Amino acid sequence: MDKKRIIDELMRIVNCELDGILQAYEFTKAGACDQDTKAESKWDTRSIEAGYLAGAQKKRLEELKSQIGILQNFTLKEFSPSDPITSGALVTVLNSTEQALYFLIHSGEGQSLNIDNVRVQVVTTYSPIGSALMNKVEGEIIELVTPKGKKEIEVIRVC
C-alpha cells in the first residue's frame, strides 16, 4: 500500500476540519462582540460564553495548523523486516481471528481510513496500540491489555 495516499487522505481530512472550525470561529468571534450578546443583567453571560467558545475554537485551529505542518513535512520511510517499528510504519497485525492494518504517526487523532477498500487505522505512537507496537519487529507477539482483558497480537508485516 502506498503510504503517501494515507498521508494525502489525512491531509484532506484535516483541511476539511480546519475549514469548518475556521468558519465556526469567525462566526463565534463576531457573535462574542455583537450587540445582541451584550449582557442585559449581571447574570447574562452570553458574551462571556461566546468568548470562551471562540478561544477553544482558536486553540483547535492552532492544533490543526500544526498537524498540517507535521503532515506536510513527514518523511516516509520504507521498513525492512528487521527494522524496529517507529513513526511512519505501516504495520499488519494478526489477532486470534483477523488481520488489522495500523499506520503509526506522532501527532493527530486516530482515524479509520479506507484506502483501496482496505481499512487502515491511523494511531499515534502515544496511543495504547501505538506505544505497544513501537520498537517491535516482524514476528513479535505483543500482549495488549484492553478493557475486555488481555489480548495477543502478532506483528506479521512492517513496511
Protein backbone atom coordinates (compact mmCIF):
# COMPACT_ATOMS: atom_id res chain seq x y z
CA MET A 1 0.00 0.00 0.00
CA ASP A 2 1.21 3.48 -0.83
CA LYS A 3 1.76 5.34 2.46
CA LYS A 4 1.70 8.66 0.59
CA ARG A 5 -2.01 8.02 -0.08
CA ILE A 6 -2.55 7.66 3.66
CA ILE A 7 -0.81 10.99 4.30
CA ASP A 8 -2.81 12.62 1.47
CA GLU A 9 -6.09 11.35 2.93
CA LEU A 10 -5.13 12.58 6.39
CA MET A 11 -4.31 16.00 4.88
CA ARG A 12 -7.71 16.08 3.18
CA ILE A 13 -9.50 15.25 6.44
CA VAL A 14 -7.53 17.79 8.49
CA ASN A 15 -8.05 20.53 5.87
CA CYS A 16 -11.82 19.86 5.85
CA GLU A 17 -11.93 20.11 9.63
CA LEU A 18 -9.80 23.25 9.51
CA ASP A 19 -12.24 24.90 7.09
CA GLY A 20 -15.21 24.07 9.31
CA ILE A 21 -13.53 25.21 12.53
CA LEU A 22 -12.34 28.43 10.86
CA GLN A 23 -15.90 29.30 9.80
CA ALA A 24 -17.26 28.46 13.25
CA TYR A 25 -14.51 30.51 14.92
CA GLU A 26 -15.19 33.59 12.78
CA PHE A 27 -18.93 33.32 13.48
CA THR A 28 -18.42 32.83 17.23
CA LYS A 29 -15.83 35.59 17.50
CA ALA A 30 -18.17 38.03 15.76
CA GLY A 31 -21.02 36.92 18.00
CA ALA A 32 -18.99 37.46 21.16
CA CYS A 33 -18.63 41.15 20.29
CA ASP A 34 -22.10 41.57 18.82
CA GLN A 35 -24.62 43.96 20.35
CA ASP A 36 -27.10 41.07 20.67
CA THR A 37 -24.87 39.25 23.15
CA LYS A 38 -24.33 42.27 25.36
CA ALA A 39 -25.25 41.48 28.95
CA GLU A 40 -28.76 42.57 29.86
CA SER A 41 -28.26 41.78 33.53
CA LYS A 42 -25.45 40.69 35.82
CA TRP A 43 -26.48 37.04 35.27
CA ASP A 44 -26.41 37.24 31.50
CA THR A 45 -23.20 35.53 30.38
CA ARG A 46 -23.82 35.02 26.64
CA SER A 47 -20.91 37.23 25.65
CA ILE A 48 -18.53 35.56 28.10
CA GLU A 49 -19.58 32.09 26.96
CA ALA A 50 -19.15 33.05 23.30
CA GLY A 51 -15.68 34.36 24.15
CA TYR A 52 -14.75 31.06 25.82
CA LEU A 53 -16.05 29.11 22.83
CA ALA A 54 -14.10 31.32 20.41
CA GLY A 55 -10.96 30.76 22.50
CA ALA A 56 -11.38 26.99 22.36
CA GLN A 57 -12.02 27.11 18.61
CA LYS A 58 -8.89 29.23 18.13
CA LYS A 59 -6.87 26.64 20.06
CA ARG A 60 -8.25 23.87 17.84
CA LEU A 61 -7.34 25.93 14.75
CA GLU A 62 -3.76 26.15 16.01
CA GLU A 63 -3.67 22.38 16.64
CA LEU A 64 -4.94 21.65 13.14
CA LYS A 65 -2.44 24.03 11.54
CA SER A 66 0.33 22.32 13.49
CA GLN A 67 -0.92 18.93 12.35
CA ILE A 68 -0.92 20.10 8.72
CA GLY A 69 2.67 21.27 9.10
CA ILE A 70 3.69 17.91 10.53
CA LEU A 71 1.95 16.01 7.73
CA GLN A 72 3.45 18.25 5.03
CA ASN A 73 6.96 17.67 6.37
CA PHE A 74 6.51 13.99 7.22
CA THR A 75 9.26 11.82 5.74
CA LEU A 76 8.01 8.41 4.70
CA LYS A 77 10.45 5.57 5.27
CA GLU A 78 10.42 2.02 3.98
CA PHE A 79 10.96 -0.62 6.65
CA SER A 80 12.69 -3.98 6.31
CA PRO A 81 11.54 -6.99 8.38
CA SER A 82 14.33 -6.42 10.91
CA ASP A 83 13.71 -2.67 11.34
CA PRO A 84 12.03 -1.70 14.61
CA ILE A 85 8.62 -0.10 14.25
CA THR A 86 8.65 3.69 14.54
CA SER A 87 6.53 6.57 13.33
CA GLY A 88 5.72 6.15 9.64
CA ALA A 89 5.44 2.37 9.78
CA LEU A 90 2.51 0.60 8.19
CA VAL A 91 2.03 -2.47 10.37
CA THR A 92 -0.09 -5.54 9.70
CA VAL A 93 -1.01 -7.44 12.86
CA LEU A 94 -2.90 -10.66 13.41
CA ASN A 95 -5.04 -11.30 16.42
CA SER A 96 -6.77 -14.59 17.04
CA THR A 97 -9.27 -14.18 14.21
CA GLU A 98 -8.43 -11.28 11.90
CA GLN A 99 -5.77 -9.01 10.47
CA ALA A 100 -5.60 -5.30 11.13
CA LEU A 101 -3.53 -2.58 9.47
CA TYR A 102 -2.11 0.29 11.53
CA PHE A 103 -0.26 3.40 10.35
CA LEU A 104 1.77 5.00 13.13
CA ILE A 105 2.27 8.74 13.28
CA HIS A 106 3.42 11.14 16.02
CA SER A 107 0.50 13.55 16.07
CA GLY A 108 -3.15 13.71 15.31
CA GLU A 109 -6.12 11.69 16.31
CA GLY A 110 -6.96 8.15 15.45
CA GLN A 111 -8.63 7.97 12.09
CA SER A 112 -10.04 4.98 10.31
CA LEU A 113 -9.35 5.33 6.60
CA ASN A 114 -10.48 3.29 3.63
CA ILE A 115 -7.66 3.12 1.09
CA ASP A 116 -8.37 0.89 -1.94
CA ASN A 117 -11.11 -0.87 0.05
CA VAL A 118 -8.65 -1.69 2.82
CA ARG A 119 -9.26 -0.33 6.33
CA VAL A 120 -6.23 1.45 7.75
CA GLN A 121 -6.35 2.58 11.36
CA VAL A 122 -4.14 5.62 11.94
CA VAL A 123 -2.81 5.69 15.50
CA THR A 124 -0.39 7.91 17.32
CA THR A 125 2.78 6.49 18.77
CA TYR A 126 1.40 7.56 22.18
CA SER A 127 -1.85 5.58 21.94
CA PRO A 128 -2.02 2.21 23.70
CA ILE A 129 -1.70 0.20 20.46
CA GLY A 130 0.86 2.62 19.01
CA SER A 131 3.11 2.52 22.06
CA ALA A 132 2.79 -1.28 22.23
CA LEU A 133 3.96 -1.56 18.60
CA MET A 134 6.88 0.86 18.97
CA ASN A 135 10.30 -0.78 18.54
CA LYS A 136 8.83 -4.22 17.78
CA VAL A 137 9.81 -6.15 14.64
CA GLU A 138 8.09 -8.60 12.31
CA GLY A 139 7.27 -11.87 14.04
CA GLU A 140 6.99 -10.48 17.55
CA ILE A 141 3.96 -11.24 19.66
CA ILE A 142 2.61 -8.41 21.81
CA GLU A 143 0.32 -8.72 24.79
CA LEU A 144 -2.18 -5.87 24.99
CA VAL A 145 -4.31 -5.02 27.98
CA THR A 146 -7.73 -3.90 26.78
CA PRO A 147 -10.99 -3.10 28.57
CA LYS A 148 -12.11 -6.62 27.57
CA GLY A 149 -8.98 -8.22 29.06
CA LYS A 150 -5.61 -9.29 27.73
CA LYS A 151 -5.19 -9.97 24.04
CA GLU A 152 -2.22 -11.13 21.99
CA ILE A 153 -1.40 -9.81 18.54
CA GLU A 154 1.39 -10.83 16.23
CA VAL A 155 3.27 -8.39 14.01
CA ILE A 156 3.18 -10.09 10.62
CA ARG A 157 4.39 -7.29 8.32
CA VAL A 158 6.05 -3.89 8.62
CA CYS A 159 6.52 -1.60 5.62
